């Protein structure tokens, strides 16, 4: 199962966090599927995303974390810059 498959089956978006609450649909932003499939590929060591702002990168990361928590438990550390 890939991360995008997992998200389509298990992820729910709240009305507080999303303009479109309810079931996650990768088809809503199909370009995210390739990123999630690259992260799902065990032979991939590094995934680099070069994109504009506000295109769902954090949600892709949330899906990857949720997938690993549910399907493949492992230590996870997410580091993000602080805003100043």
PDB file of N, CA and C in Angstrom:
ATOM      1  N   UNK A   1       0.848  -1.177   0.000  1.00  0.00           N
ATOM      2  CA  UNK A   1       0.000   0.000   0.000  1.00  0.00           C
ATOM      3  C   UNK A   1       0.895   1.243   0.000  1.00  0.00           C
ATOM      4  N   UNK A   2       0.588   2.178  -0.872  1.00  0.00           N
ATOM      5  CA  UNK A   2       1.352   3.422  -0.912  1.00  0.00           C
ATOM      6  C   UNK A   2       0.760   4.435   0.067  1.00  0.00           C
ATOM      7  N   UNK A   3       1.499   5.495   0.303  1.00  0.00           N
ATOM      8  CA  UNK A   3       1.014   6.548   1.192  1.00  0.00           C
ATOM      9  C   UNK A   3      -0.264   7.165   0.640  1.00  0.00           C
ATOM     10  N   UNK A   4      -0.328   7.385  -0.667  1.00  0.00           N
ATOM     11  CA  UNK A   4      -1.542   7.984  -1.239  1.00  0.00           C
ATOM     12  C   UNK A   4      -2.744   7.050  -1.094  1.00  0.00           C
ATOM     13  N   UNK A   5      -2.538   5.741  -1.260  1.00  0.00           N
ATOM     14  CA  UNK A   5      -3.629   4.776  -1.045  1.00  0.00           C
ATOM     15  C   UNK A   5      -4.089   4.820   0.407  1.00  0.00           C
ATOM     16  N   UNK A   6      -3.123   4.838   1.323  1.00  0.00           N
ATOM     17  CA  UNK A   6      -3.452   4.877   2.753  1.00  0.00           C
ATOM     18  C   UNK A   6      -4.257   6.134   3.075  1.00  0.00           C
ATOM     19  N   UNK A   7      -3.794   7.276   2.576  1.00  0.00           N
ATOM     20  CA  UNK A   7      -4.472   8.540   2.861  1.00  0.00           C
ATOM     21  C   UNK A   7      -5.895   8.538   2.310  1.00  0.00           C
ATOM     22  N   UNK A   8      -6.075   8.028   1.092  1.00  0.00           N
ATOM     23  CA  UNK A   8      -7.414   7.968   0.500  1.00  0.00           C
ATOM     24  C   UNK A   8      -8.362   7.102   1.323  1.00  0.00           C
ATOM     25  N   UNK A   9      -7.836   6.099   1.986  1.00  0.00           N
ATOM     26  CA  UNK A   9      -8.670   5.188   2.771  1.00  0.00           C
ATOM     27  C   UNK A   9      -8.848   5.622   4.222  1.00  0.00           C
ATOM     28  N   UNK A  10      -7.866   6.340   4.788  1.00  0.00           N
ATOM     29  CA  UNK A  10      -7.861   6.563   6.237  1.00  0.00           C
ATOM     30  C   UNK A  10      -7.857   8.010   6.701  1.00  0.00           C
ATOM     31  N   UNK A  11      -7.463   8.926   5.877  1.00  0.00           N
ATOM     32  CA  UNK A  11      -7.273  10.311   6.322  1.00  0.00           C
ATOM     33  C   UNK A  11      -8.566  11.097   6.266  1.00  0.00           C
ATOM     34  N   UNK A  12      -8.827  11.855   7.324  1.00  0.00           N
ATOM     35  CA  UNK A  12      -9.980  12.751   7.393  1.00  0.00           C
ATOM     36  C   UNK A  12      -9.468  14.159   7.678  1.00  0.00           C
ATOM     37  N   UNK A  13     -10.032  15.144   7.014  1.00  0.00           N
ATOM     38  CA  UNK A  13      -9.654  16.537   7.213  1.00  0.00           C
ATOM     39  C   UNK A  13     -10.732  17.229   8.036  1.00  0.00           C
ATOM     40  N   UNK A  14     -10.313  17.982   9.043  1.00  0.00           N
ATOM     41  CA  UNK A  14     -11.270  18.683   9.898  1.00  0.00           C
ATOM     42  C   UNK A  14     -11.683  20.005   9.258  1.00  0.00           C
ATOM     43  N   UNK A  15     -12.801  20.527   9.697  1.00  0.00           N
ATOM     44  CA  UNK A  15     -13.258  21.818   9.175  1.00  0.00           C
ATOM     45  C   UNK A  15     -12.373  22.950   9.680  1.00  0.00           C
ATOM     46  N   UNK A  16     -11.676  22.738  10.795  1.00  0.00           N
ATOM     47  CA  UNK A  16     -10.760  23.748  11.318  1.00  0.00           C
ATOM     48  C   UNK A  16      -9.493  23.848  10.478  1.00  0.00           C
ATOM     49  N   UNK A  17      -9.083  22.748   9.874  1.00  0.00           N
ATOM     50  CA  UNK A  17      -7.804  22.702   9.161  1.00  0.00           C
ATOM     51  C   UNK A  17      -7.945  22.721   7.642  1.00  0.00           C
ATOM     52  N   UNK A  18      -9.158  22.616   7.133  1.00  0.00           N
ATOM     53  CA  UNK A  18      -9.311  22.484   5.685  1.00  0.00           C
ATOM     54  C   UNK A  18     -10.533  23.239   5.177  1.00  0.00           C
ATOM     55  N   UNK A  19     -10.382  23.824   4.004  1.00  0.00           N
ATOM     56  CA  UNK A  19     -11.529  24.456   3.344  1.00  0.00           C
ATOM     57  C   UNK A  19     -12.484  23.406   2.795  1.00  0.00           C
ATOM     58  N   UNK A  20     -11.973  22.175   2.639  1.00  0.00           N
ATOM     59  CA  UNK A  20     -12.784  21.053   2.158  1.00  0.00           C
ATOM     60  C   UNK A  20     -12.692  19.908   3.159  1.00  0.00           C
ATOM     61  N   UNK A  21     -13.411  20.002   4.289  1.00  0.00           N
ATOM     62  CA  UNK A  21     -13.325  18.943   5.300  1.00  0.00           C
ATOM     63  C   UNK A  21     -13.919  17.629   4.806  1.00  0.00           C
ATOM     64  N   UNK A  22     -13.514  16.560   5.485  1.00  0.00           N
ATOM     65  CA  UNK A  22     -14.024  15.232   5.148  1.00  0.00           C
ATOM     66  C   UNK A  22     -12.917  14.314   4.696  1.00  0.00           C
ATOM     67  N   UNK A  23     -13.284  13.319   3.920  1.00  0.00           N
ATOM     68  CA  UNK A  23     -12.341  12.305   3.437  1.00  0.00           C
ATOM     69  C   UNK A  23     -11.247  12.929   2.569  1.00  0.00           C
ATOM     70  N   UNK A  24      -9.994  12.540   2.821  1.00  0.00           N
ATOM     71  CA  UNK A  24      -8.878  12.965   1.966  1.00  0.00           C
ATOM     72  C   UNK A  24      -9.048  12.348   0.589  1.00  0.00           C
ATOM     73  N   UNK A  25      -8.816  13.124  -0.441  1.00  0.00           N
ATOM     74  CA  UNK A  25      -8.855  12.625  -1.817  1.00  0.00           C
ATOM     75  C   UNK A  25      -7.588  13.075  -2.535  1.00  0.00           C
ATOM     76  N   UNK A  26      -6.694  12.154  -2.811  1.00  0.00           N
ATOM     77  CA  UNK A  26      -5.476  12.493  -3.543  1.00  0.00           C
ATOM     78  C   UNK A  26      -5.829  13.042  -4.914  1.00  0.00           C
ATOM     79  N   UNK A  27      -6.921  12.596  -5.486  1.00  0.00           N
ATOM     80  CA  UNK A  27      -7.341  13.074  -6.808  1.00  0.00           C
ATOM     81  C   UNK A  27      -7.637  14.573  -6.807  1.00  0.00           C
ATOM     82  N   UNK A  28      -7.864  15.147  -5.647  1.00  0.00           N
ATOM     83  CA  UNK A  28      -8.122  16.590  -5.531  1.00  0.00           C
ATOM     84  C   UNK A  28      -6.884  17.400  -5.921  1.00  0.00           C
ATOM     85  N   UNK A  29      -5.705  16.837  -5.667  1.00  0.00           N
ATOM     86  CA  UNK A  29      -4.427  17.480  -6.018  1.00  0.00           C
ATOM     87  C   UNK A  29      -3.513  16.373  -6.528  1.00  0.00           C
ATOM     88  N   UNK A  30      -3.780  15.917  -7.718  1.00  0.00           N
ATOM     89  CA  UNK A  30      -3.132  14.725  -8.286  1.00  0.00           C
ATOM     90  C   UNK A  30      -1.608  14.816  -8.293  1.00  0.00           C
ATOM     91  N   UNK A  31      -1.057  16.018  -8.396  1.00  0.00           N
ATOM     92  CA  UNK A  31       0.401  16.172  -8.405  1.00  0.00           C
ATOM     93  C   UNK A  31       1.037  15.685  -7.102  1.00  0.00           C
ATOM     94  N   UNK A  32       0.269  15.603  -6.024  1.00  0.00           N
ATOM     95  CA  UNK A  32       0.802  15.109  -4.752  1.00  0.00           C
ATOM     96  C   UNK A  32       1.026  13.596  -4.773  1.00  0.00           C
ATOM     97  N   UNK A  33       0.330  12.884  -5.637  1.00  0.00           N
ATOM     98  CA  UNK A  33       0.454  11.426  -5.700  1.00  0.00           C
ATOM     99  C   UNK A  33       1.902  11.009  -5.981  1.00  0.00           C
ATOM    100  N   UNK A  34       2.542  11.648  -6.939  1.00  0.00           N
ATOM    101  CA  UNK A  34       3.918  11.305  -7.288  1.00  0.00           C
ATOM    102  C   UNK A  34       4.876  11.489  -6.126  1.00  0.00           C
ATOM    103  N   UNK A  35       4.679  12.560  -5.365  1.00  0.00           N
ATOM    104  CA  UNK A  35       5.524  12.801  -4.193  1.00  0.00           C
ATOM    105  C   UNK A  35       5.314  11.694  -3.171  1.00  0.00           C
ATOM    106  N   UNK A  36       4.051  11.367  -2.888  1.00  0.00           N
ATOM    107  CA  UNK A  36       3.764  10.327  -1.893  1.00  0.00           C
ATOM    108  C   UNK A  36       4.250   8.963  -2.360  1.00  0.00           C
ATOM    109  N   UNK A  37       4.160   8.677  -3.653  1.00  0.00           N
ATOM    110  CA  UNK A  37       4.664   7.394  -4.157  1.00  0.00           C
ATOM    111  C   UNK A  37       6.180   7.328  -4.067  1.00  0.00           C
ATOM    112  N   UNK A  38       6.857   8.450  -4.298  1.00  0.00           N
ATOM    113  CA  UNK A  38       8.315   8.471  -4.152  1.00  0.00           C
ATOM    114  C   UNK A  38       8.706   8.208  -2.703  1.00  0.00           C
ATOM    115  N   UNK A  39       7.982   8.812  -1.764  1.00  0.00           N
ATOM    116  CA  UNK A  39       8.260   8.585  -0.344  1.00  0.00           C
ATOM    117  C   UNK A  39       7.968   7.132   0.023  1.00  0.00           C
ATOM    118  N   UNK A  40       6.967   6.526  -0.606  1.00  0.00           N
ATOM    119  CA  UNK A  40       6.587   5.134  -0.322  1.00  0.00           C
ATOM    120  C   UNK A  40       7.604   4.122  -0.827  1.00  0.00           C
ATOM    121  N   UNK A  41       8.404   4.500  -1.815  1.00  0.00           N
ATOM    122  CA  UNK A  41       9.356   3.584  -2.449  1.00  0.00           C
ATOM    123  C   UNK A  41      10.551   3.343  -1.530  1.00  0.00           C
ATOM    124  N   UNK A  42      10.688   2.120  -1.038  1.00  0.00           N
ATOM    125  CA  UNK A  42      11.760   1.783  -0.089  1.00  0.00           C
ATOM    126  C   UNK A  42      13.150   1.994  -0.672  1.00  0.00           C
ATOM    127  N   UNK A  43      13.281   1.969  -1.984  1.00  0.00           N
ATOM    128  CA  UNK A  43      14.598   2.156  -2.596  1.00  0.00           C
ATOM    129  C   UNK A  43      14.970   3.636  -2.740  1.00  0.00           C
ATOM    130  N   UNK A  44      14.040   4.533  -2.443  1.00  0.00           N
ATOM    131  CA  UNK A  44      14.304   5.968  -2.534  1.00  0.00           C
ATOM    132  C   UNK A  44      14.860   6.463  -1.210  1.00  0.00           C
ATOM    133  N   UNK A  45      16.037   7.072  -1.259  1.00  0.00           N
ATOM    134  CA  UNK A  45      16.672   7.569  -0.039  1.00  0.00           C
ATOM    135  C   UNK A  45      16.348   9.034   0.233  1.00  0.00           C
ATOM    136  N   UNK A  46      16.180   9.826  -0.814  1.00  0.00           N
ATOM    137  CA  UNK A  46      15.941  11.259  -0.656  1.00  0.00           C
ATOM    138  C   UNK A  46      14.862  11.706  -1.625  1.00  0.00           C
ATOM    139  N   UNK A  47      13.931  12.508  -1.123  1.00  0.00           N
ATOM    140  CA  UNK A  47      12.916  13.121  -1.972  1.00  0.00           C
ATOM    141  C   UNK A  47      13.063  14.629  -1.811  1.00  0.00           C
ATOM    142  N   UNK A  48      13.255  15.323  -2.914  1.00  0.00           N
ATOM    143  CA  UNK A  48      13.388  16.777  -2.909  1.00  0.00           C
ATOM    144  C   UNK A  48      12.159  17.353  -3.596  1.00  0.00           C
ATOM    145  N   UNK A  49      11.521  18.310  -2.939  1.00  0.00           N
ATOM    146  CA  UNK A  49      10.325  18.943  -3.497  1.00  0.00           C
ATOM    147  C   UNK A  49      10.633  20.417  -3.739  1.00  0.00           C
ATOM    148  N   UNK A  50      10.541  20.830  -4.975  1.00  0.00           N
ATOM    149  CA  UNK A  50      10.723  22.235  -5.327  1.00  0.00           C
ATOM    150  C   UNK A  50       9.370  22.730  -5.811  1.00  0.00           C
ATOM    151  N   UNK A  51       8.739  23.604  -5.034  1.00  0.00           N
ATOM    152  CA  UNK A  51       7.385  24.019  -5.397  1.00  0.00           C
ATOM    153  C   UNK A  51       7.080  25.407  -4.854  1.00  0.00           C
ATOM    154  N   UNK A  52       5.926  25.884  -5.212  1.00  0.00           N
ATOM    155  CA  UNK A  52       5.452  27.160  -4.696  1.00  0.00           C
ATOM    156  C   UNK A  52       4.835  26.955  -3.314  1.00  0.00           C
ATOM    157  N   UNK A  53       4.403  28.041  -2.710  1.00  0.00           N
ATOM    158  CA  UNK A  53       3.770  27.987  -1.392  1.00  0.00           C
ATOM    159  C   UNK A  53       2.322  27.510  -1.515  1.00  0.00           C
ATOM    160  N   UNK A  54       1.812  26.955  -0.427  1.00  0.00           N
ATOM    161  CA  UNK A  54       0.395  26.610  -0.309  1.00  0.00           C
ATOM    162  C   UNK A  54      -0.083  25.586  -1.332  1.00  0.00           C
ATOM    163  N   UNK A  55       0.713  24.535  -1.558  1.00  0.00           N
ATOM    164  CA  UNK A  55       0.295  23.492  -2.501  1.00  0.00           C
ATOM    165  C   UNK A  55       0.158  22.123  -1.837  1.00  0.00           C
ATOM    166  N   UNK A  56       0.179  22.074  -0.497  1.00  0.00           N
ATOM    167  CA  UNK A  56      -0.097  20.824   0.192  1.00  0.00           C
ATOM    168  C   UNK A  56       1.111  20.034   0.651  1.00  0.00           C
ATOM    169  N   UNK A  57       2.272  20.649   0.690  1.00  0.00           N
ATOM    170  CA  UNK A  57       3.468  19.905   1.117  1.00  0.00           C
ATOM    171  C   UNK A  57       3.331  19.410   2.551  1.00  0.00           C
ATOM    172  N   UNK A  58       2.793  20.235   3.443  1.00  0.00           N
ATOM    173  CA  UNK A  58       2.612  19.815   4.833  1.00  0.00           C
ATOM    174  C   UNK A  58       1.627  18.662   4.915  1.00  0.00           C
ATOM    175  N   UNK A  59       0.581  18.693   4.107  1.00  0.00           N
ATOM    176  CA  UNK A  59      -0.390  17.599   4.119  1.00  0.00           C
ATOM    177  C   UNK A  59       0.230  16.307   3.606  1.00  0.00           C
ATOM    178  N   UNK A  60       1.109  16.394   2.606  1.00  0.00           N
ATOM    179  CA  UNK A  60       1.834  15.212   2.129  1.00  0.00           C
ATOM    180  C   UNK A  60       2.669  14.639   3.273  1.00  0.00           C
ATOM    181  N   UNK A  61       3.351  15.512   4.012  1.00  0.00           N
ATOM    182  CA  UNK A  61       4.149  15.073   5.160  1.00  0.00           C
ATOM    183  C   UNK A  61       3.258  14.448   6.232  1.00  0.00           C
ATOM    184  N   UNK A  62       2.104  15.060   6.506  1.00  0.00           N
ATOM    185  CA  UNK A  62       1.160  14.482   7.472  1.00  0.00           C
ATOM    186  C   UNK A  62       0.705  13.094   7.027  1.00  0.00           C
ATOM    187  N   UNK A  63       0.450  12.929   5.734  1.00  0.00           N
ATOM    188  CA  UNK A  63       0.053  11.616   5.218  1.00  0.00           C
ATOM    189  C   UNK A  63       1.167  10.595   5.404  1.00  0.00           C
ATOM    190  N   UNK A  64       2.404  10.994   5.132  1.00  0.00           N
ATOM    191  CA  UNK A  64       3.538  10.078   5.297  1.00  0.00           C
ATOM    192  C   UNK A  64       3.687   9.663   6.756  1.00  0.00           C
ATOM    193  N   UNK A  65       3.560  10.614   7.671  1.00  0.00           N
ATOM    194  CA  UNK A  65       3.654  10.280   9.098  1.00  0.00           C
ATOM    195  C   UNK A  65       2.514   9.351   9.509  1.00  0.00           C
ATOM    196  N   UNK A  66       1.292   9.662   9.092  1.00  0.00           N
ATOM    197  CA  UNK A  66       0.147   8.816   9.426  1.00  0.00           C
ATOM    198  C   UNK A  66       0.303   7.407   8.897  1.00  0.00           C
ATOM    199  N   UNK A  67       0.786   7.297   7.663  1.00  0.00           N
ATOM    200  CA  UNK A  67       1.020   5.982   7.061  1.00  0.00           C
ATOM    201  C   UNK A  67       1.996   5.168   7.908  1.00  0.00           C
ATOM    202  N   UNK A  68       3.117   5.776   8.266  1.00  0.00           N
ATOM    203  CA  UNK A  68       4.129   5.033   9.021  1.00  0.00           C
ATOM    204  C   UNK A  68       3.663   4.710  10.437  1.00  0.00           C
ATOM    205  N   UNK A  69       2.914   5.589  11.059  1.00  0.00           N
ATOM    206  CA  UNK A  69       2.357   5.296  12.380  1.00  0.00           C
ATOM    207  C   UNK A  69       1.435   4.084  12.305  1.00  0.00           C
ATOM    208  N   UNK A  70       0.620   4.026  11.259  1.00  0.00           N
ATOM    209  CA  UNK A  70      -0.383   2.969  11.119  1.00  0.00           C
ATOM    210  C   UNK A  70       0.159   1.683  10.498  1.00  0.00           C
ATOM    211  N   UNK A  71       0.968   1.794   9.457  1.00  0.00           N
ATOM    212  CA  UNK A  71       1.354   0.626   8.662  1.00  0.00           C
ATOM    213  C   UNK A  71       2.773   0.126   8.896  1.00  0.00           C
ATOM    214  N   UNK A  72       3.670   1.011   9.244  1.00  0.00           N
ATOM    215  CA  UNK A  72       5.086   0.653   9.319  1.00  0.00           C
ATOM    216  C   UNK A  72       5.741   1.453  10.439  1.00  0.00           C
ATOM    217  N   UNK A  73       5.346   1.181  11.701  1.00  0.00           N
ATOM    218  CA  UNK A  73       5.843   1.995  12.812  1.00  0.00           C
ATOM    219  C   UNK A  73       7.367   2.088  12.831  1.00  0.00           C
ATOM    220  N   UNK A  74       7.829   3.300  13.001  1.00  0.00           N
ATOM    221  CA  UNK A  74       9.263   3.575  13.043  1.00  0.00           C
ATOM    222  C   UNK A  74       9.454   4.929  13.719  1.00  0.00           C
ATOM    223  N   UNK A  75      10.646   5.196  14.222  1.00  0.00           N
ATOM    224  CA  UNK A  75      10.891   6.529  14.780  1.00  0.00           C
ATOM    225  C   UNK A  75      10.693   7.594  13.693  1.00  0.00           C
ATOM    226  N   UNK A  76      10.042   8.677  14.064  1.00  0.00           N
ATOM    227  CA  UNK A  76       9.787   9.771  13.125  1.00  0.00           C
ATOM    228  C   UNK A  76      10.176  11.078  13.802  1.00  0.00           C
ATOM    229  N   UNK A  77      10.915  11.906  13.089  1.00  0.00           N
ATOM    230  CA  UNK A  77      11.220  13.245  13.577  1.00  0.00           C
ATOM    231  C   UNK A  77      10.944  14.222  12.442  1.00  0.00           C
ATOM    232  N   UNK A  78      10.113  15.201  12.730  1.00  0.00           N
ATOM    233  CA  UNK A  78       9.808  16.234  11.749  1.00  0.00           C
ATOM    234  C   UNK A  78      10.390  17.540  12.274  1.00  0.00           C
ATOM    235  N   UNK A  79      11.218  18.185  11.477  1.00  0.00           N
ATOM    236  CA  UNK A  79      11.849  19.445  11.861  1.00  0.00           C
ATOM    237  C   UNK A  79      11.430  20.501  10.853  1.00  0.00           C
ATOM    238  N   UNK A  80      10.897  21.607  11.365  1.00  0.00           N
ATOM    239  CA  UNK A  80      10.477  22.701  10.490  1.00  0.00           C
ATOM    240  C   UNK A  80      11.060  23.999  11.024  1.00  0.00           C
ATOM    241  N   UNK A  81      11.319  24.950  10.138  1.00  0.00           N
ATOM    242  CA  UNK A  81      11.861  26.233  10.605  1.00  0.00           C
ATOM    243  C   UNK A  81      10.803  27.016  11.370  1.00  0.00           C
ATOM    244  N   UNK A  82      11.260  27.842  12.278  1.00  0.00           N
ATOM    245  CA  UNK A  82      10.335  28.721  12.989  1.00  0.00           C
ATOM    246  C   UNK A  82      10.184  30.009  12.196  1.00  0.00           C
ATOM    247  N   UNK A  83       9.042  30.638  12.333  1.00  0.00           N
ATOM    248  CA  UNK A  83       8.813  31.914  11.658  1.00  0.00           C
ATOM    249  C   UNK A  83       9.235  33.036  12.586  1.00  0.00           C
ATOM    250  N   UNK A  84       9.904  34.025  12.028  1.00  0.00           N
ATOM    251  CA  UNK A  84      10.330  35.181  12.836  1.00  0.00           C
ATOM    252  C   UNK A  84       9.910  36.447  12.164  1.00  0.00           C
TER     253      UNK A  84
END
